């Protein structure tokens, strides 16, 4: 992989085989963290893909509840303050 200048930042182009192996796509957010290393050892970086909006929504979907059968929404009551 080659590091290139991109504006004021640096960028790395990922080969398609690595992209497929990691299961990442355009727009995904990644977290890169250096792993602790021993003296005279090359640096190791761990890569974690952050969940997207849809994945986060699906993760909390089980928290969704339902109103009771006798519930009636009253707009005036909701806006009375």
PDB file of N, CA and C in Angstrom:
ATOM      1  N   UNK A   1       0.846  -1.169   0.000  1.00  0.00           N
ATOM      2  CA  UNK A   1       0.000   0.000   0.000  1.00  0.00           C
ATOM      3  C   UNK A   1       0.888   1.227   0.000  1.00  0.00           C
ATOM      4  N   UNK A   2       0.378   2.262  -0.609  1.00  0.00           N
ATOM      5  CA  UNK A   2       1.141   3.489  -0.729  1.00  0.00           C
ATOM      6  C   UNK A   2       0.426   4.617   0.011  1.00  0.00           C
ATOM      7  N   UNK A   3       1.185   5.414   0.730  1.00  0.00           N
ATOM      8  CA  UNK A   3       0.649   6.577   1.417  1.00  0.00           C
ATOM      9  C   UNK A   3       0.778   7.766   0.474  1.00  0.00           C
ATOM     10  N   UNK A   4      -0.313   8.530   0.336  1.00  0.00           N
ATOM     11  CA  UNK A   4      -0.327   9.680  -0.556  1.00  0.00           C
ATOM     12  C   UNK A   4      -0.848  10.901   0.187  1.00  0.00           C
ATOM     13  N   UNK A   5      -0.461  12.070  -0.284  1.00  0.00           N
ATOM     14  CA  UNK A   5      -0.949  13.326   0.277  1.00  0.00           C
ATOM     15  C   UNK A   5      -2.348  13.583  -0.274  1.00  0.00           C
ATOM     16  N   UNK A   6      -3.287  13.967   0.580  1.00  0.00           N
ATOM     17  CA  UNK A   6      -4.652  14.278   0.174  1.00  0.00           C
ATOM     18  C   UNK A   6      -5.052  15.541   0.928  1.00  0.00           C
ATOM     19  N   UNK A   7      -4.908  16.692   0.291  1.00  0.00           N
ATOM     20  CA  UNK A   7      -5.106  17.970   0.966  1.00  0.00           C
ATOM     21  C   UNK A   7      -4.037  18.133   2.021  1.00  0.00           C
ATOM     22  N   UNK A   8      -4.442  18.385   3.265  1.00  0.00           N
ATOM     23  CA  UNK A   8      -3.486  18.502   4.370  1.00  0.00           C
ATOM     24  C   UNK A   8      -3.302  17.181   5.104  1.00  0.00           C
ATOM     25  N   UNK A   9      -3.941  16.129   4.600  1.00  0.00           N
ATOM     26  CA  UNK A   9      -3.908  14.831   5.273  1.00  0.00           C
ATOM     27  C   UNK A   9      -3.116  13.821   4.455  1.00  0.00           C
ATOM     28  N   UNK A  10      -2.967  12.648   5.015  1.00  0.00           N
ATOM     29  CA  UNK A  10      -2.374  11.518   4.304  1.00  0.00           C
ATOM     30  C   UNK A  10      -3.454  10.472   4.081  1.00  0.00           C
ATOM     31  N   UNK A  11      -3.375   9.776   2.976  1.00  0.00           N
ATOM     32  CA  UNK A  11      -4.366   8.757   2.639  1.00  0.00           C
ATOM     33  C   UNK A  11      -3.658   7.473   2.229  1.00  0.00           C
ATOM     34  N   UNK A  12      -4.325   6.355   2.443  1.00  0.00           N
ATOM     35  CA  UNK A  12      -3.818   5.043   2.042  1.00  0.00           C
ATOM     36  C   UNK A  12      -4.869   4.414   1.143  1.00  0.00           C
ATOM     37  N   UNK A  13      -4.471   3.933  -0.015  1.00  0.00           N
ATOM     38  CA  UNK A  13      -5.384   3.196  -0.887  1.00  0.00           C
ATOM     39  C   UNK A  13      -5.344   1.734  -0.493  1.00  0.00           C
ATOM     40  N   UNK A  14      -6.531   1.178  -0.301  1.00  0.00           N
ATOM     41  CA  UNK A  14      -6.623  -0.216   0.119  1.00  0.00           C
ATOM     42  C   UNK A  14      -6.886  -1.096  -1.090  1.00  0.00           C
ATOM     43  N   UNK A  15      -6.153  -2.189  -1.213  1.00  0.00           N
ATOM     44  CA  UNK A  15      -6.422  -3.108  -2.317  1.00  0.00           C
ATOM     45  C   UNK A  15      -7.788  -3.768  -2.149  1.00  0.00           C
ATOM     46  N   UNK A  16      -8.409  -4.080  -3.264  1.00  0.00           N
ATOM     47  CA  UNK A  16      -9.765  -4.632  -3.239  1.00  0.00           C
ATOM     48  C   UNK A  16      -9.831  -5.929  -2.432  1.00  0.00           C
ATOM     49  N   UNK A  17      -8.802  -6.721  -2.445  1.00  0.00           N
ATOM     50  CA  UNK A  17      -8.817  -7.971  -1.679  1.00  0.00           C
ATOM     51  C   UNK A  17      -8.914  -7.693  -0.177  1.00  0.00           C
ATOM     52  N   UNK A  18      -8.225  -6.655   0.304  1.00  0.00           N
ATOM     53  CA  UNK A  18      -8.286  -6.286   1.718  1.00  0.00           C
ATOM     54  C   UNK A  18      -9.651  -5.696   2.057  1.00  0.00           C
ATOM     55  N   UNK A  19     -10.193  -4.884   1.160  1.00  0.00           N
ATOM     56  CA  UNK A  19     -11.516  -4.295   1.362  1.00  0.00           C
ATOM     57  C   UNK A  19     -12.561  -5.394   1.504  1.00  0.00           C
ATOM     58  N   UNK A  20     -12.493  -6.384   0.655  1.00  0.00           N
ATOM     59  CA  UNK A  20     -13.438  -7.497   0.722  1.00  0.00           C
ATOM     60  C   UNK A  20     -13.243  -8.317   1.992  1.00  0.00           C
ATOM     61  N   UNK A  21     -11.999  -8.534   2.373  1.00  0.00           N
ATOM     62  CA  UNK A  21     -11.716  -9.322   3.578  1.00  0.00           C
ATOM     63  C   UNK A  21     -12.226  -8.611   4.833  1.00  0.00           C
ATOM     64  N   UNK A  22     -12.082  -7.281   4.875  1.00  0.00           N
ATOM     65  CA  UNK A  22     -12.537  -6.518   6.029  1.00  0.00           C
ATOM     66  C   UNK A  22     -14.036  -6.241   5.983  1.00  0.00           C
ATOM     67  N   UNK A  23     -14.645  -6.406   4.820  1.00  0.00           N
ATOM     68  CA  UNK A  23     -16.077  -6.152   4.683  1.00  0.00           C
ATOM     69  C   UNK A  23     -16.416  -4.677   4.773  1.00  0.00           C
ATOM     70  N   UNK A  24     -15.567  -3.819   4.243  1.00  0.00           N
ATOM     71  CA  UNK A  24     -15.810  -2.386   4.300  1.00  0.00           C
ATOM     72  C   UNK A  24     -16.251  -1.870   2.940  1.00  0.00           C
ATOM     73  N   UNK A  25     -16.898  -0.696   2.954  1.00  0.00           N
ATOM     74  CA  UNK A  25     -17.395  -0.092   1.727  1.00  0.00           C
ATOM     75  C   UNK A  25     -17.185   1.408   1.791  1.00  0.00           C
ATOM     76  N   UNK A  26     -17.410   2.061   0.681  1.00  0.00           N
ATOM     77  CA  UNK A  26     -17.275   3.503   0.595  1.00  0.00           C
ATOM     78  C   UNK A  26     -18.187   4.169   1.626  1.00  0.00           C
ATOM     79  N   UNK A  27     -17.646   5.071   2.415  1.00  0.00           N
ATOM     80  CA  UNK A  27     -18.423   5.777   3.433  1.00  0.00           C
ATOM     81  C   UNK A  27     -18.338   5.170   4.816  1.00  0.00           C
ATOM     82  N   UNK A  28     -17.817   3.948   4.945  1.00  0.00           N
ATOM     83  CA  UNK A  28     -17.667   3.336   6.266  1.00  0.00           C
ATOM     84  C   UNK A  28     -16.641   4.122   7.074  1.00  0.00           C
ATOM     85  N   UNK A  29     -16.845   4.139   8.385  1.00  0.00           N
ATOM     86  CA  UNK A  29     -15.886   4.780   9.275  1.00  0.00           C
ATOM     87  C   UNK A  29     -15.061   3.702   9.960  1.00  0.00           C
ATOM     88  N   UNK A  30     -13.750   3.918   9.957  1.00  0.00           N
ATOM     89  CA  UNK A  30     -12.826   2.964  10.553  1.00  0.00           C
ATOM     90  C   UNK A  30     -12.095   3.608  11.720  1.00  0.00           C
ATOM     91  N   UNK A  31     -11.736   2.795  12.693  1.00  0.00           N
ATOM     92  CA  UNK A  31     -10.895   3.236  13.799  1.00  0.00           C
ATOM     93  C   UNK A  31      -9.592   2.456  13.682  1.00  0.00           C
ATOM     94  N   UNK A  32      -8.492   3.175  13.600  1.00  0.00           N
ATOM     95  CA  UNK A  32      -7.173   2.550  13.551  1.00  0.00           C
ATOM     96  C   UNK A  32      -6.474   2.821  14.877  1.00  0.00           C
ATOM     97  N   UNK A  33      -6.036   1.755  15.544  1.00  0.00           N
ATOM     98  CA  UNK A  33      -5.360   1.908  16.822  1.00  0.00           C
ATOM     99  C   UNK A  33      -4.050   1.144  16.798  1.00  0.00           C
ATOM    100  N   UNK A  34      -2.971   1.819  17.192  1.00  0.00           N
ATOM    101  CA  UNK A  34      -1.697   1.101  17.261  1.00  0.00           C
ATOM    102  C   UNK A  34      -1.725   0.106  18.422  1.00  0.00           C
ATOM    103  N   UNK A  35      -1.261  -1.082  18.149  1.00  0.00           N
ATOM    104  CA  UNK A  35      -1.181  -2.114  19.190  1.00  0.00           C
ATOM    105  C   UNK A  35       0.131  -1.940  19.947  1.00  0.00           C
ATOM    106  N   UNK A  36       0.144  -2.307  21.219  1.00  0.00           N
ATOM    107  CA  UNK A  36       1.417  -2.228  21.957  1.00  0.00           C
ATOM    108  C   UNK A  36       2.462  -3.082  21.260  1.00  0.00           C
ATOM    109  N   UNK A  37       3.674  -2.580  21.202  1.00  0.00           N
ATOM    110  CA  UNK A  37       4.706  -3.339  20.500  1.00  0.00           C
ATOM    111  C   UNK A  37       5.944  -3.485  21.367  1.00  0.00           C
ATOM    112  N   UNK A  38       6.683  -4.509  21.045  1.00  0.00           N
ATOM    113  CA  UNK A  38       7.938  -4.787  21.730  1.00  0.00           C
ATOM    114  C   UNK A  38       9.054  -4.001  21.043  1.00  0.00           C
ATOM    115  N   UNK A  39      10.138  -3.822  21.734  1.00  0.00           N
ATOM    116  CA  UNK A  39      11.289  -3.129  21.148  1.00  0.00           C
ATOM    117  C   UNK A  39      11.781  -3.902  19.926  1.00  0.00           C
ATOM    118  N   UNK A  40      12.179  -3.190  18.910  1.00  0.00           N
ATOM    119  CA  UNK A  40      12.703  -3.749  17.663  1.00  0.00           C
ATOM    120  C   UNK A  40      11.660  -4.544  16.880  1.00  0.00           C
ATOM    121  N   UNK A  41      10.378  -4.319  17.153  1.00  0.00           N
ATOM    122  CA  UNK A  41       9.302  -4.968  16.417  1.00  0.00           C
ATOM    123  C   UNK A  41       8.626  -3.924  15.530  1.00  0.00           C
ATOM    124  N   UNK A  42       8.133  -4.311  14.371  1.00  0.00           N
ATOM    125  CA  UNK A  42       7.408  -3.346  13.534  1.00  0.00           C
ATOM    126  C   UNK A  42       6.072  -2.963  14.172  1.00  0.00           C
ATOM    127  N   UNK A  43       5.586  -1.786  13.832  1.00  0.00           N
ATOM    128  CA  UNK A  43       4.316  -1.308  14.372  1.00  0.00           C
ATOM    129  C   UNK A  43       3.164  -2.148  13.825  1.00  0.00           C
ATOM    130  N   UNK A  44       2.185  -2.417  14.665  1.00  0.00           N
ATOM    131  CA  UNK A  44       0.999  -3.164  14.273  1.00  0.00           C
ATOM    132  C   UNK A  44      -0.207  -2.279  14.555  1.00  0.00           C
ATOM    133  N   UNK A  45      -1.126  -2.247  13.612  1.00  0.00           N
ATOM    134  CA  UNK A  45      -2.325  -1.427  13.751  1.00  0.00           C
ATOM    135  C   UNK A  45      -3.543  -2.330  13.687  1.00  0.00           C
ATOM    136  N   UNK A  46      -4.475  -2.137  14.625  1.00  0.00           N
ATOM    137  CA  UNK A  46      -5.730  -2.879  14.564  1.00  0.00           C
ATOM    138  C   UNK A  46      -6.774  -1.992  13.879  1.00  0.00           C
ATOM    139  N   UNK A  47      -7.604  -2.603  13.046  1.00  0.00           N
ATOM    140  CA  UNK A  47      -8.621  -1.882  12.285  1.00  0.00           C
ATOM    141  C   UNK A  47      -9.993  -2.354  12.743  1.00  0.00           C
ATOM    142  N   UNK A  48     -10.845  -1.403  13.112  1.00  0.00           N
ATOM    143  CA  UNK A  48     -12.208  -1.705  13.526  1.00  0.00           C
ATOM    144  C   UNK A  48     -13.157  -0.849  12.705  1.00  0.00           C
ATOM    145  N   UNK A  49     -14.179  -1.484  12.143  1.00  0.00           N
ATOM    146  CA  UNK A  49     -15.192  -0.739  11.392  1.00  0.00           C
ATOM    147  C   UNK A  49     -16.296  -0.348  12.363  1.00  0.00           C
ATOM    148  N   UNK A  50     -16.615   0.947  12.402  1.00  0.00           N
ATOM    149  CA  UNK A  50     -17.708   1.413  13.247  1.00  0.00           C
ATOM    150  C   UNK A  50     -19.037   1.041  12.595  1.00  0.00           C
ATOM    151  N   UNK A  51     -20.029   0.686  13.390  1.00  0.00           N
ATOM    152  CA  UNK A  51     -21.325   0.344  12.796  1.00  0.00           C
ATOM    153  C   UNK A  51     -21.971   1.573  12.160  1.00  0.00           C
ATOM    154  N   UNK A  52     -22.652   1.355  11.056  1.00  0.00           N
ATOM    155  CA  UNK A  52     -23.354   2.429  10.372  1.00  0.00           C
ATOM    156  C   UNK A  52     -24.664   2.760  11.062  1.00  0.00           C
ATOM    157  N   UNK A  53     -25.360   3.784  10.559  1.00  0.00           N
ATOM    158  CA  UNK A  53     -26.618   4.210  11.170  1.00  0.00           C
ATOM    159  C   UNK A  53     -27.652   3.086  11.175  1.00  0.00           C
ATOM    160  N   UNK A  54     -27.767   2.381  10.065  1.00  0.00           N
ATOM    161  CA  UNK A  54     -28.754   1.304   9.984  1.00  0.00           C
ATOM    162  C   UNK A  54     -28.424   0.181  10.964  1.00  0.00           C
ATOM    163  N   UNK A  55     -27.151  -0.161  11.085  1.00  0.00           N
ATOM    164  CA  UNK A  55     -26.751  -1.213  12.032  1.00  0.00           C
ATOM    165  C   UNK A  55     -27.025  -0.791  13.476  1.00  0.00           C
ATOM    166  N   UNK A  56     -26.784   0.480  13.801  1.00  0.00           N
ATOM    167  CA  UNK A  56     -27.071   0.963  15.156  1.00  0.00           C
ATOM    168  C   UNK A  56     -28.572   0.945  15.429  1.00  0.00           C
ATOM    169  N   UNK A  57     -29.368   1.318  14.420  1.00  0.00           N
ATOM    170  CA  UNK A  57     -30.822   1.294  14.572  1.00  0.00           C
ATOM    171  C   UNK A  57     -31.327  -0.127  14.801  1.00  0.00           C
ATOM    172  N   UNK A  58     -30.795  -1.072  14.026  1.00  0.00           N
ATOM    173  CA  UNK A  58     -31.210  -2.465  14.186  1.00  0.00           C
ATOM    174  C   UNK A  58     -30.793  -3.020  15.544  1.00  0.00           C
ATOM    175  N   UNK A  59     -29.676  -2.530  16.082  1.00  0.00           N
ATOM    176  CA  UNK A  59     -29.198  -3.016  17.378  1.00  0.00           C
ATOM    177  C   UNK A  59     -30.111  -2.587  18.523  1.00  0.00           C
ATOM    178  N   UNK A  60     -30.797  -1.454  18.390  1.00  0.00           N
ATOM    179  CA  UNK A  60     -31.673  -0.985  19.466  1.00  0.00           C
ATOM    180  C   UNK A  60     -33.147  -1.240  19.164  1.00  0.00           C
ATOM    181  N   UNK A  61     -33.425  -1.865  18.046  1.00  0.00           N
ATOM    182  CA  UNK A  61     -34.813  -2.099  17.659  1.00  0.00           C
ATOM    183  C   UNK A  61     -35.563  -2.946  18.690  1.00  0.00           C
ATOM    184  N   UNK A  62     -34.856  -3.835  19.382  1.00  0.00           N
ATOM    185  CA  UNK A  62     -35.515  -4.677  20.387  1.00  0.00           C
ATOM    186  C   UNK A  62     -36.025  -3.857  21.573  1.00  0.00           C
ATOM    187  N   UNK A  63     -35.574  -2.616  21.730  1.00  0.00           N
ATOM    188  CA  UNK A  63     -36.020  -1.760  22.819  1.00  0.00           C
ATOM    189  C   UNK A  63     -37.368  -1.103  22.519  1.00  0.00           C
ATOM    190  N   UNK A  64     -37.785  -1.188  21.260  1.00  0.00           N
ATOM    191  CA  UNK A  64     -39.031  -0.552  20.854  1.00  0.00           C
ATOM    192  C   UNK A  64     -40.198  -1.207  21.579  1.00  0.00           C
ATOM    193  N   UNK A  65     -41.069  -0.383  22.106  1.00  0.00           N
ATOM    194  CA  UNK A  65     -42.243  -0.891  22.802  1.00  0.00           C
ATOM    195  C   UNK A  65     -43.498  -0.525  22.043  1.00  0.00           C
ATOM    196  N   UNK A  66     -44.611  -0.953  22.560  1.00  0.00           N
ATOM    197  CA  UNK A  66     -45.884  -0.600  21.935  1.00  0.00           C
ATOM    198  C   UNK A  66     -46.779   0.035  22.995  1.00  0.00           C
ATOM    199  N   UNK A  67     -47.716   0.833  22.537  1.00  0.00           N
ATOM    200  CA  UNK A  67     -48.667   1.465  23.434  1.00  0.00           C
ATOM    201  C   UNK A  67     -49.728   0.434  23.822  1.00  0.00           C
ATOM    202  N   UNK A  68     -50.329   0.652  24.952  1.00  0.00           N
ATOM    203  CA  UNK A  68     -51.404  -0.228  25.381  1.00  0.00           C
ATOM    204  C   UNK A  68     -52.604  -0.112  24.455  1.00  0.00           C
ATOM    205  N   UNK A  69     -53.458  -1.087  24.463  1.00  0.00           N
ATOM    206  CA  UNK A  69     -54.624  -1.112  23.576  1.00  0.00           C
ATOM    207  C   UNK A  69     -55.580   0.037  23.873  1.00  0.00           C
ATOM    208  N   UNK A  70     -55.567   0.538  25.114  1.00  0.00           N
ATOM    209  CA  UNK A  70     -56.486   1.614  25.480  1.00  0.00           C
ATOM    210  C   UNK A  70     -55.858   3.003  25.338  1.00  0.00           C
ATOM    211  N   UNK A  71     -54.635   3.095  24.812  1.00  0.00           N
ATOM    212  CA  UNK A  71     -53.959   4.392  24.675  1.00  0.00           C
ATOM    213  C   UNK A  71     -54.591   5.210  23.549  1.00  0.00           C
ATOM    214  N   UNK A  72     -54.867   6.483  23.840  1.00  0.00           N
ATOM    215  CA  UNK A  72     -55.383   7.419  22.847  1.00  0.00           C
ATOM    216  C   UNK A  72     -54.525   8.674  22.934  1.00  0.00           C
ATOM    217  N   UNK A  73     -53.943   9.082  21.821  1.00  0.00           N
ATOM    218  CA  UNK A  73     -53.114  10.275  21.801  1.00  0.00           C
ATOM    219  C   UNK A  73     -54.009  11.505  21.833  1.00  0.00           C
ATOM    220  N   UNK A  74     -53.750  12.402  22.773  1.00  0.00           N
ATOM    221  CA  UNK A  74     -54.511  13.641  22.884  1.00  0.00           C
ATOM    222  C   UNK A  74     -53.554  14.798  22.606  1.00  0.00           C
ATOM    223  N   UNK A  75     -53.689  15.411  21.447  1.00  0.00           N
ATOM    224  CA  UNK A  75     -52.794  16.494  21.029  1.00  0.00           C
ATOM    225  C   UNK A  75     -52.851  17.668  22.009  1.00  0.00           C
ATOM    226  N   UNK A  76     -54.035  18.012  22.472  1.00  0.00           N
ATOM    227  CA  UNK A  76     -54.155  19.138  23.415  1.00  0.00           C
ATOM    228  C   UNK A  76     -53.439  18.832  24.725  1.00  0.00           C
ATOM    229  N   UNK A  77     -53.577  17.618  25.197  1.00  0.00           N
ATOM    230  CA  UNK A  77     -52.901  17.240  26.445  1.00  0.00           C
ATOM    231  C   UNK A  77     -51.383  17.252  26.252  1.00  0.00           C
ATOM    232  N   UNK A  78     -50.899  16.774  25.118  1.00  0.00           N
ATOM    233  CA  UNK A  78     -49.470  16.729  24.863  1.00  0.00           C
ATOM    234  C   UNK A  78     -48.870  18.124  24.760  1.00  0.00           C
ATOM    235  N   UNK A  79     -49.629  19.093  24.265  1.00  0.00           N
ATOM    236  CA  UNK A  79     -49.122  20.451  24.069  1.00  0.00           C
ATOM    237  C   UNK A  79     -49.483  21.404  25.197  1.00  0.00           C
ATOM    238  N   UNK A  80     -50.165  20.907  26.215  1.00  0.00           N
ATOM    239  CA  UNK A  80     -50.559  21.769  27.342  1.00  0.00           C
ATOM    240  C   UNK A  80     -49.375  21.939  28.278  1.00  0.00           C
ATOM    241  N   UNK A  81     -48.857  23.150  28.306  1.00  0.00           N
ATOM    242  CA  UNK A  81     -47.765  23.464  29.238  1.00  0.00           C
ATOM    243  C   UNK A  81     -47.905  24.865  29.714  1.00  0.00           C
TER     244      UNK A  81
END
